[in-house]
Amino acid sequence: MMASWPQKVPGLLRHTVRFFLPADCAACGLSLTTDPVPLFCATCWNTIAPLKLACCSQCDRPLPSPVALTYSPTHRCHHCIVRPPAYVKAWTLYPYLPPLQDAICLFKYRGKVSLSKPLGRLLLKALPPSLDADLIIPVPLHPARLREREFNQSLLLADQVATHRHLPISFTNLVRTAPSEPQSTLSRKERLKNLRRAFTVRQPQLIAQKRILLIDDVLTTGTTVNECAKVLKKAGAEAVFVLTLARTIESSVVPDRILAQRATEPLELFRG
């Protein structure tokens, strides 16, 4: 069926804009003609796929081998057994690899807020069916960081999940009271020290006996969400669950198809 004239207008406008203001895809560097996703070509964006690996039943950390789940479908990783997290279950939906890594960095550090909806759609596309909560809370930023960035990327993502699932969202109750260095630059020991007593709950009665879904953009070691979960549990939450758009994963468990794809890219396109 041919598209109607109103349906063609956005595409024609994008073509016109790109003619006068050419731009390149942030992932592959090719010129953009149409951009259903801002800053990325459709070919690159469509390579983003959910993480499909055997994972820990609690923290969702990818396991080196699916054999671990053969006789124990609820297998927990060594980290969760030795240091059980304060949350019940984490879902980490996509591997933190290009082009998703590029998109999150542009969104988070370069202020490309136009990417919030496409990233939110990725989140909604891979939502686990077993997800069940009474209230959604985004991981908060310290006021100084919020003034600097002018938005909380976790709140923008959480808002889309709340709207989709018809759940209430709270973004002023859990607050970050202590400024800290970016977690991505620190070792595990430094992360723990960095976040000690960094969060507090203003009105515990509003989360008492509630099942909380805590949302963040990227999970690295899980220190941040675990500290938030501890505070929420201490304030009276019945249970805390974690949902993140992406997670960093060890190179040993990166899917072969992704490694093969990256091996064909020009060297200058690789991101740390």
C-alpha atoms as a PDB file:
ATOM      1  CA  MET A   1       0.000   0.000   0.000  1.00  0.00           C
ATOM      2  CA  MET A   2       1.366   3.382  -0.987  1.00  0.00           C
ATOM      3  CA  ALA A   3       1.981   5.865   1.790  1.00  0.00           C
ATOM      4  CA  SER A   4      -0.423   8.801   2.016  1.00  0.00           C
ATOM      5  CA  TRP A   5       0.834  12.358   1.539  1.00  0.00           C
ATOM      6  CA  PRO A   6       0.862  13.178   5.302  1.00  0.00           C
ATOM      7  CA  GLN A   7       2.936  10.043   5.908  1.00  0.00           C
ATOM      8  CA  LYS A   8       5.470  11.109   3.273  1.00  0.00           C
ATOM      9  CA  VAL A   9       5.991  14.617   4.666  1.00  0.00           C
ATOM     10  CA  PRO A  10       8.379  13.725   7.549  1.00  0.00           C
ATOM     11  CA  GLY A  11      10.609  11.744   5.192  1.00  0.00           C
ATOM     12  CA  LEU A  12      10.682  14.546   2.650  1.00  0.00           C
ATOM     13  CA  LEU A  13      11.530  17.062   5.364  1.00  0.00           C
ATOM     14  CA  ARG A  14      14.417  14.895   6.569  1.00  0.00           C
ATOM     15  CA  HIS A  15      15.736  14.598   3.009  1.00  0.00           C
ATOM     16  CA  THR A  16      15.580  18.392   2.651  1.00  0.00           C
ATOM     17  CA  VAL A  17      17.313  19.005   5.980  1.00  0.00           C
ATOM     18  CA  ARG A  18      20.069  16.535   5.129  1.00  0.00           C
ATOM     19  CA  PHE A  19      20.584  18.236   1.754  1.00  0.00           C
ATOM     20  CA  PHE A  20      21.315  21.596   3.388  1.00  0.00           C
ATOM     21  CA  LEU A  21      22.771  20.273   6.667  1.00  0.00           C
ATOM     22  CA  PRO A  22      24.602  17.028   5.873  1.00  0.00           C
ATOM     23  CA  ALA A  23      25.415  14.731   8.781  1.00  0.00           C
ATOM     24  CA  ASP A  24      27.163  11.402   9.224  1.00  0.00           C
ATOM     25  CA  CYS A  25      26.086   8.333  11.151  1.00  0.00           C
ATOM     26  CA  ALA A  26      27.768   8.373  14.584  1.00  0.00           C
ATOM     27  CA  ALA A  27      28.548   4.653  14.279  1.00  0.00           C
ATOM     28  CA  CYS A  28      29.679   3.958  10.705  1.00  0.00           C
ATOM     29  CA  GLY A  29      30.430   7.482   9.482  1.00  0.00           C
ATOM     30  CA  LEU A  30      28.323   7.213   6.316  1.00  0.00           C
ATOM     31  CA  SER A  31      26.209  10.173   5.273  1.00  0.00           C
ATOM     32  CA  LEU A  32      22.675  10.192   6.618  1.00  0.00           C
ATOM     33  CA  THR A  33      19.835  10.664   4.172  1.00  0.00           C
ATOM     34  CA  THR A  34      16.894   9.849   6.396  1.00  0.00           C
ATOM     35  CA  ASP A  35      17.262   9.395  10.117  1.00  0.00           C
ATOM     36  CA  PRO A  36      14.342   7.632  11.796  1.00  0.00           C
ATOM     37  CA  VAL A  37      16.779   7.483  14.729  1.00  0.00           C
ATOM     38  CA  PRO A  38      18.688  10.758  15.215  1.00  0.00           C
ATOM     39  CA  LEU A  39      22.435  10.554  14.469  1.00  0.00           C
ATOM     40  CA  PHE A  40      22.366   6.898  13.365  1.00  0.00           C
ATOM     41  CA  CYS A  41      21.608   5.170  10.088  1.00  0.00           C
ATOM     42  CA  ALA A  42      18.968   2.448  10.073  1.00  0.00           C
ATOM     43  CA  THR A  43      21.549  -0.202   9.148  1.00  0.00           C
ATOM     44  CA  CYS A  44      23.650   0.450  12.263  1.00  0.00           C
ATOM     45  CA  TRP A  45      20.694   0.902  14.595  1.00  0.00           C
ATOM     46  CA  ASN A  46      19.144  -2.381  13.481  1.00  0.00           C
ATOM     47  CA  THR A  47      22.268  -4.282  14.585  1.00  0.00           C
ATOM     48  CA  ILE A  48      21.392  -3.580  18.241  1.00  0.00           C
ATOM     49  CA  ALA A  49      20.065  -6.835  19.656  1.00  0.00           C
ATOM     50  CA  PRO A  50      19.146  -7.985  23.173  1.00  0.00           C
ATOM     51  CA  LEU A  51      21.679  -9.963  25.153  1.00  0.00           C
ATOM     52  CA  LYS A  52      21.040 -13.671  24.503  1.00  0.00           C
ATOM     53  CA  LEU A  53      23.437 -15.475  26.822  1.00  0.00           C
ATOM     54  CA  ALA A  54      23.180 -17.785  29.799  1.00  0.00           C
ATOM     55  CA  CYS A  55      23.042 -15.440  32.788  1.00  0.00           C
ATOM     56  CA  CYS A  56      23.059 -15.425  36.564  1.00  0.00           C
ATOM     57  CA  SER A  57      19.485 -15.723  37.837  1.00  0.00           C
ATOM     58  CA  GLN A  58      19.957 -12.781  40.197  1.00  0.00           C
ATOM     59  CA  CYS A  59      22.329 -10.143  38.776  1.00  0.00           C
ATOM     60  CA  ASP A  60      21.951 -11.173  35.103  1.00  0.00           C
ATOM     61  CA  ARG A  61      25.732 -11.368  34.672  1.00  0.00           C
ATOM     62  CA  PRO A  62      26.553 -13.420  31.528  1.00  0.00           C
ATOM     63  CA  LEU A  63      28.047 -16.792  32.393  1.00  0.00           C
ATOM     64  CA  PRO A  64      31.116 -18.178  30.583  1.00  0.00           C
ATOM     65  CA  SER A  65      29.174 -21.270  29.541  1.00  0.00           C
ATOM     66  CA  PRO A  66      25.479 -22.237  29.277  1.00  0.00           C
ATOM     67  CA  VAL A  67      26.401 -25.568  30.891  1.00  0.00           C
ATOM     68  CA  ALA A  68      26.048 -23.825  34.269  1.00  0.00           C
ATOM     69  CA  LEU A  69      22.274 -23.741  33.720  1.00  0.00           C
ATOM     70  CA  THR A  70      21.901 -27.314  32.485  1.00  0.00           C
ATOM     71  CA  TYR A  71      21.231 -28.839  35.891  1.00  0.00           C
ATOM     72  CA  SER A  72      20.486 -25.608  37.760  1.00  0.00           C
ATOM     73  CA  PRO A  73      18.187 -23.237  35.835  1.00  0.00           C
ATOM     74  CA  THR A  74      18.291 -20.779  38.766  1.00  0.00           C
ATOM     75  CA  HIS A  75      22.080 -20.817  38.987  1.00  0.00           C
ATOM     76  CA  ARG A  76      23.619 -17.783  40.707  1.00  0.00           C
ATOM     77  CA  CYS A  77      27.076 -16.513  39.870  1.00  0.00           C
ATOM     78  CA  HIS A  78      29.967 -16.578  42.343  1.00  0.00           C
ATOM     79  CA  HIS A  79      29.628 -12.853  43.055  1.00  0.00           C
ATOM     80  CA  CYS A  80      25.964 -13.188  44.094  1.00  0.00           C
ATOM     81  CA  ILE A  81      26.723 -16.185  46.303  1.00  0.00           C
ATOM     82  CA  VAL A  82      29.670 -14.548  48.075  1.00  0.00           C
ATOM     83  CA  ARG A  83      28.159 -11.043  48.291  1.00  0.00           C
ATOM     84  CA  PRO A  84      24.376 -11.315  47.793  1.00  0.00           C
ATOM     85  CA  PRO A  85      23.017  -8.072  46.323  1.00  0.00           C
ATOM     86  CA  ALA A  86      20.258  -6.160  48.075  1.00  0.00           C
ATOM     87  CA  TYR A  87      17.964  -6.447  45.052  1.00  0.00           C
ATOM     88  CA  VAL A  88      15.922  -9.545  44.204  1.00  0.00           C
ATOM     89  CA  LYS A  89      16.587  -9.616  40.474  1.00  0.00           C
ATOM     90  CA  ALA A  90      18.288  -7.495  37.809  1.00  0.00           C
ATOM     91  CA  TRP A  91      17.483  -7.410  34.108  1.00  0.00           C
ATOM     92  CA  THR A  92      20.249  -5.987  31.912  1.00  0.00           C
ATOM     93  CA  LEU A  93      18.858  -6.003  28.407  1.00  0.00           C
ATOM     94  CA  TYR A  94      21.581  -5.171  25.870  1.00  0.00           C
ATOM     95  CA  PRO A  95      25.379  -5.504  25.722  1.00  0.00           C
ATOM     96  CA  TYR A  96      27.118  -2.153  26.171  1.00  0.00           C
ATOM     97  CA  LEU A  97      28.823  -2.247  22.792  1.00  0.00           C
ATOM     98  CA  PRO A  98      28.725   0.013  19.709  1.00  0.00           C
ATOM     99  CA  PRO A  99      26.491   1.313  18.277  1.00  0.00           C
ATOM    100  CA  LEU A 100      24.384   1.290  21.474  1.00  0.00           C
ATOM    101  CA  GLN A 101      27.417   2.391  23.476  1.00  0.00           C
ATOM    102  CA  ASP A 102      27.879   5.339  21.106  1.00  0.00           C
ATOM    103  CA  ALA A 103      24.217   6.287  21.438  1.00  0.00           C
ATOM    104  CA  ILE A 104      24.211   6.160  25.241  1.00  0.00           C
ATOM    105  CA  CYS A 105      27.384   8.259  25.434  1.00  0.00           C
ATOM    106  CA  LEU A 106      25.942  10.878  23.065  1.00  0.00           C
ATOM    107  CA  PHE A 107      22.707  10.905  25.048  1.00  0.00           C
ATOM    108  CA  LYS A 108      24.320  11.004  28.468  1.00  0.00           C
ATOM    109  CA  TYR A 109      27.468  13.103  28.008  1.00  0.00           C
ATOM    110  CA  ARG A 110      26.793  15.180  24.889  1.00  0.00           C
ATOM    111  CA  GLY A 111      23.226  16.186  25.715  1.00  0.00           C
ATOM    112  CA  LYS A 112      21.643  14.501  22.678  1.00  0.00           C
ATOM    113  CA  VAL A 113      18.258  14.224  24.386  1.00  0.00           C
ATOM    114  CA  SER A 114      16.603  13.401  21.037  1.00  0.00           C
ATOM    115  CA  LEU A 115      17.982   9.881  21.545  1.00  0.00           C
ATOM    116  CA  SER A 116      15.907   9.331  24.692  1.00  0.00           C
ATOM    117  CA  LYS A 117      12.861   8.043  22.813  1.00  0.00           C
ATOM    118  CA  PRO A 118      14.742   5.631  20.504  1.00  0.00           C
ATOM    119  CA  LEU A 119      16.667   4.302  23.517  1.00  0.00           C
ATOM    120  CA  GLY A 120      13.418   4.041  25.439  1.00  0.00           C
ATOM    121  CA  ARG A 121      11.879   2.044  22.591  1.00  0.00           C
ATOM    122  CA  LEU A 122      14.793  -0.404  22.810  1.00  0.00           C
ATOM    123  CA  LEU A 123      14.100  -0.739  26.529  1.00  0.00           C
ATOM    124  CA  LEU A 124      10.392  -1.390  25.960  1.00  0.00           C
ATOM    125  CA  LYS A 125      11.110  -3.835  23.149  1.00  0.00           C
ATOM    126  CA  ALA A 126      13.079  -6.115  25.473  1.00  0.00           C
ATOM    127  CA  LEU A 127      11.101  -5.724  28.714  1.00  0.00           C
ATOM    128  CA  PRO A 128      10.942  -9.081  30.537  1.00  0.00           C
ATOM    129  CA  PRO A 129       7.399 -10.472  30.788  1.00  0.00           C
ATOM    130  CA  SER A 130       7.967 -11.427  34.447  1.00  0.00           C
ATOM    131  CA  LEU A 131       8.605  -7.822  35.475  1.00  0.00           C
ATOM    132  CA  ASP A 132       6.203  -6.911  38.287  1.00  0.00           C
ATOM    133  CA  ALA A 133       6.388  -3.793  40.457  1.00  0.00           C
ATOM    134  CA  ASP A 134       4.273  -1.228  42.292  1.00  0.00           C
ATOM    135  CA  LEU A 135       6.481   1.793  41.765  1.00  0.00           C
ATOM    136  CA  ILE A 136       9.285   2.884  39.425  1.00  0.00           C
ATOM    137  CA  ILE A 137      12.267   4.877  40.702  1.00  0.00           C
ATOM    138  CA  PRO A 138      15.147   6.090  38.492  1.00  0.00           C
ATOM    139  CA  VAL A 139      18.675   6.146  39.901  1.00  0.00           C
ATOM    140  CA  PRO A 140      19.109   9.791  40.951  1.00  0.00           C
ATOM    141  CA  LEU A 141      21.870  12.252  40.117  1.00  0.00           C
ATOM    142  CA  HIS A 142      23.414  14.570  42.667  1.00  0.00           C
ATOM    143  CA  PRO A 143      21.929  18.101  42.302  1.00  0.00           C
ATOM    144  CA  ALA A 144      25.294  19.476  41.175  1.00  0.00           C
ATOM    145  CA  ARG A 145      25.565  16.859  38.422  1.00  0.00           C
ATOM    146  CA  LEU A 146      21.934  17.424  37.458  1.00  0.00           C
ATOM    147  CA  ARG A 147      22.526  21.174  37.079  1.00  0.00           C
ATOM    148  CA  GLU A 148      25.569  20.451  34.944  1.00  0.00           C
ATOM    149  CA  ARG A 149      23.829  17.906  32.708  1.00  0.00           C
ATOM    150  CA  GLU A 150      20.373  19.529  32.865  1.00  0.00           C
ATOM    151  CA  PHE A 151      18.583  16.175  32.755  1.00  0.00           C
ATOM    152  CA  ASN A 152      18.681  12.753  34.388  1.00  0.00           C
ATOM    153  CA  GLN A 153      19.057  10.143  31.651  1.00  0.00           C
ATOM    154  CA  SER A 154      17.678   7.410  33.933  1.00  0.00           C
ATOM    155  CA  LEU A 155      14.522   9.431  34.592  1.00  0.00           C
ATOM    156  CA  LEU A 156      13.885   9.927  30.866  1.00  0.00           C
ATOM    157  CA  LEU A 157      14.132   6.168  30.328  1.00  0.00           C
ATOM    158  CA  ALA A 158      12.108   5.330  33.445  1.00  0.00           C
ATOM    159  CA  ASP A 159       9.316   7.674  32.369  1.00  0.00           C
ATOM    160  CA  GLN A 160       8.807   5.690  29.171  1.00  0.00           C
ATOM    161  CA  VAL A 161       8.612   2.395  31.069  1.00  0.00           C
ATOM    162  CA  ALA A 162       6.176   3.911  33.587  1.00  0.00           C
ATOM    163  CA  THR A 163       3.933   5.185  30.785  1.00  0.00           C
ATOM    164  CA  HIS A 164       4.057   1.866  28.932  1.00  0.00           C
ATOM    165  CA  ARG A 165       3.301  -0.227  32.045  1.00  0.00           C
ATOM    166  CA  HIS A 166       0.875   2.291  33.596  1.00  0.00           C
ATOM    167  CA  LEU A 167       2.917   2.437  36.786  1.00  0.00           C
ATOM    168  CA  PRO A 168       3.525   5.402  39.084  1.00  0.00           C
ATOM    169  CA  ILE A 169       6.996   6.905  39.058  1.00  0.00           C
ATOM    170  CA  SER A 170       8.825   8.614  41.906  1.00  0.00           C
ATOM    171  CA  PHE A 171      11.860  10.757  41.122  1.00  0.00           C
ATOM    172  CA  THR A 172      12.153  12.982  44.206  1.00  0.00           C
ATOM    173  CA  ASN A 173      12.028  10.473  47.067  1.00  0.00           C
ATOM    174  CA  LEU A 174      15.278   8.587  46.508  1.00  0.00           C
ATOM    175  CA  VAL A 175      17.959  11.291  46.353  1.00  0.00           C
ATOM    176  CA  ARG A 176      21.704  11.431  46.019  1.00  0.00           C
ATOM    177  CA  THR A 177      23.066  13.465  48.917  1.00  0.00           C
ATOM    178  CA  ALA A 178      26.803  13.188  48.340  1.00  0.00           C
ATOM    179  CA  PRO A 179      28.650  14.207  45.166  1.00  0.00           C
ATOM    180  CA  SER A 180      30.993  11.567  43.808  1.00  0.00           C
ATOM    181  CA  GLU A 181      33.365  10.804  40.975  1.00  0.00           C
ATOM    182  CA  PRO A 182      31.929   9.044  37.901  1.00  0.00           C
ATOM    183  CA  GLN A 183      31.764   5.320  38.664  1.00  0.00           C
ATOM    184  CA  SER A 184      33.160   4.377  35.250  1.00  0.00           C
ATOM    185  CA  THR A 185      36.581   5.755  36.222  1.00  0.00           C
ATOM    186  CA  LEU A 186      36.963   3.819  39.486  1.00  0.00           C
ATOM    187  CA  SER A 187      37.994   0.350  40.651  1.00  0.00           C
ATOM    188  CA  ARG A 188      35.491  -1.842  42.517  1.00  0.00           C
ATOM    189  CA  LYS A 189      36.979  -0.898  45.904  1.00  0.00           C
ATOM    190  CA  GLU A 190      36.878   2.783  44.995  1.00  0.00           C
ATOM    191  CA  ARG A 191      33.283   2.443  43.754  1.00  0.00           C
ATOM    192  CA  LEU A 192      32.154   1.061  47.104  1.00  0.00           C
ATOM    193  CA  LYS A 193      33.865   3.862  49.002  1.00  0.00           C
ATOM    194  CA  ASN A 194      32.631   6.432  46.490  1.00  0.00           C
ATOM    195  CA  LEU A 195      28.969   5.542  47.072  1.00  0.00           C
ATOM    196  CA  ARG A 196      29.009   4.961  50.820  1.00  0.00           C
ATOM    197  CA  ARG A 197      26.089   6.897  52.347  1.00  0.00           C
ATOM    198  CA  ALA A 198      25.533   8.617  48.990  1.00  0.00           C
ATOM    199  CA  PHE A 199      21.767   7.959  48.822  1.00  0.00           C
ATOM    200  CA  THR A 200      18.832   8.551  51.137  1.00  0.00           C
ATOM    201  CA  VAL A 201      15.040   8.236  51.107  1.00  0.00           C
ATOM    202  CA  ARG A 202      13.162  11.408  52.012  1.00  0.00           C
ATOM    203  CA  GLN A 203       9.749   9.875  52.748  1.00  0.00           C
ATOM    204  CA  PRO A 204      10.056   6.194  53.717  1.00  0.00           C
ATOM    205  CA  GLN A 205       6.302   5.861  54.239  1.00  0.00           C
ATOM    206  CA  LEU A 206       5.734   6.284  50.500  1.00  0.00           C
ATOM    207  CA  ILE A 207       7.712   3.164  49.624  1.00  0.00           C
ATOM    208  CA  ALA A 208       6.866   0.990  52.640  1.00  0.00           C
ATOM    209  CA  GLN A 209       5.863  -2.548  51.584  1.00  0.00           C
ATOM    210  CA  LYS A 210       6.143  -1.650  47.904  1.00  0.00           C
ATOM    211  CA  ARG A 211       7.869  -3.602  45.150  1.00  0.00           C
ATOM    212  CA  ILE A 212      10.270  -1.111  43.597  1.00  0.00           C
ATOM    213  CA  LEU A 213      11.631  -1.208  40.050  1.00  0.00           C
ATOM    214  CA  LEU A 214      14.913   0.726  40.007  1.00  0.00           C
ATOM    215  CA  ILE A 215      15.938   1.918  36.528  1.00  0.00           C
ATOM    216  CA  ASP A 216      19.358   3.028  35.276  1.00  0.00           C
ATOM    217  CA  ASP A 217      20.983   3.351  31.862  1.00  0.00           C
ATOM    218  CA  VAL A 218      24.090   1.132  32.208  1.00  0.00           C
ATOM    219  CA  LEU A 219      25.156  -1.486  34.740  1.00  0.00           C
ATOM    220  CA  THR A 220      28.900  -1.961  35.114  1.00  0.00           C
ATOM    221  CA  THR A 221      29.700  -3.640  38.436  1.00  0.00           C
ATOM    222  CA  GLY A 222      26.232  -3.081  39.889  1.00  0.00           C
ATOM    223  CA  THR A 223      27.586  -1.051  42.815  1.00  0.00           C
ATOM    224  CA  THR A 224      25.325   1.958  42.222  1.00  0.00           C
ATOM    225  CA  VAL A 225      22.047   0.050  41.933  1.00  0.00           C
ATOM    226  CA  ASN A 226      22.996  -2.165  44.864  1.00  0.00           C
ATOM    227  CA  GLU A 227      23.620   0.843  47.115  1.00  0.00           C
ATOM    228  CA  CYS A 228      20.260   2.277  46.041  1.00  0.00           C
ATOM    229  CA  ALA A 229      18.580  -1.057  46.754  1.00  0.00           C
ATOM    230  CA  LYS A 230      20.117  -1.190  50.247  1.00  0.00           C
ATOM    231  CA  VAL A 231      18.731   2.246  51.079  1.00  0.00           C
ATOM    232  CA  LEU A 232      15.284   1.399  49.700  1.00  0.00           C
ATOM    233  CA  LYS A 233      15.143  -1.872  51.621  1.00  0.00           C
ATOM    234  CA  LYS A 234      16.237  -0.145  54.821  1.00  0.00           C
ATOM    235  CA  ALA A 235      13.460   2.412  54.263  1.00  0.00           C
ATOM    236  CA  GLY A 236      10.863  -0.371  54.185  1.00  0.00           C
ATOM    237  CA  ALA A 237      10.507  -1.494  50.559  1.00  0.00           C
ATOM    238  CA  GLU A 238       9.224  -5.058  50.267  1.00  0.00           C
ATOM    239  CA  ALA A 239      11.517  -5.868  47.342  1.00  0.00           C
ATOM    240  CA  VAL A 240      13.737  -4.079  44.855  1.00  0.00           C
ATOM    241  CA  PHE A 241      14.223  -5.088  41.229  1.00  0.00           C
ATOM    242  CA  VAL A 242      16.684  -3.544  38.786  1.00  0.00           C
ATOM    243  CA  LEU A 243      16.271  -2.778  35.091  1.00  0.00           C
ATOM    244  CA  THR A 244      19.041  -1.298  32.946  1.00  0.00           C
ATOM    245  CA  LEU A 245      19.153  -0.650  29.230  1.00  0.00           C
ATOM    246  CA  ALA A 246      22.669  -2.057  28.887  1.00  0.00           C
ATOM    247  CA  ARG A 247      25.505  -3.675  30.788  1.00  0.00           C
ATOM    248  CA  THR A 248      29.223  -3.938  30.242  1.00  0.00           C
ATOM    249  CA  ILE A 249      30.309  -7.496  29.554  1.00  0.00           C
ATOM    250  CA  GLU A 250      33.648  -9.261  29.512  1.00  0.00           C
ATOM    251  CA  SER A 251      35.215  -9.843  26.105  1.00  0.00           C
ATOM    252  CA  SER A 252      35.193 -13.601  26.747  1.00  0.00           C
ATOM    253  CA  VAL A 253      31.399 -13.670  26.573  1.00  0.00           C
ATOM    254  CA  VAL A 254      30.838 -11.180  23.750  1.00  0.00           C
ATOM    255  CA  PRO A 255      28.828 -13.016  21.057  1.00  0.00           C
ATOM    256  CA  ASP A 256      30.980 -14.177  18.118  1.00  0.00           C
ATOM    257  CA  ARG A 257      28.749 -12.383  15.609  1.00  0.00           C
ATOM    258  CA  ILE A 258      29.506  -9.058  17.324  1.00  0.00           C
ATOM    259  CA  LEU A 259      33.245  -9.716  17.356  1.00  0.00           C
ATOM    260  CA  ALA A 260      33.127 -10.686  13.687  1.00  0.00           C
ATOM    261  CA  GLN A 261      31.178  -7.558  12.826  1.00  0.00           C
ATOM    262  CA  ARG A 262      33.576  -5.270  14.706  1.00  0.00           C
ATOM    263  CA  ALA A 263      36.587  -6.945  13.064  1.00  0.00           C
ATOM    264  CA  THR A 264      35.393  -5.651   9.683  1.00  0.00           C
ATOM    265  CA  GLU A 265      35.072  -2.037  10.853  1.00  0.00           C
ATOM    266  CA  PRO A 266      37.770   0.581  10.230  1.00  0.00           C
ATOM    267  CA  LEU A 267      40.117   0.930  13.217  1.00  0.00           C
ATOM    268  CA  GLU A 268      39.149   4.545  13.826  1.00  0.00           C
ATOM    269  CA  LEU A 269      35.555   3.517  14.541  1.00  0.00           C
ATOM    270  CA  PHE A 270      36.401   1.415  17.587  1.00  0.00           C
ATOM    271  CA  ARG A 271      35.386   2.850  20.933  1.00  0.00           C
ATOM    272  CA  GLY A 272      37.270   1.730  24.116  1.00  0.00           C
END
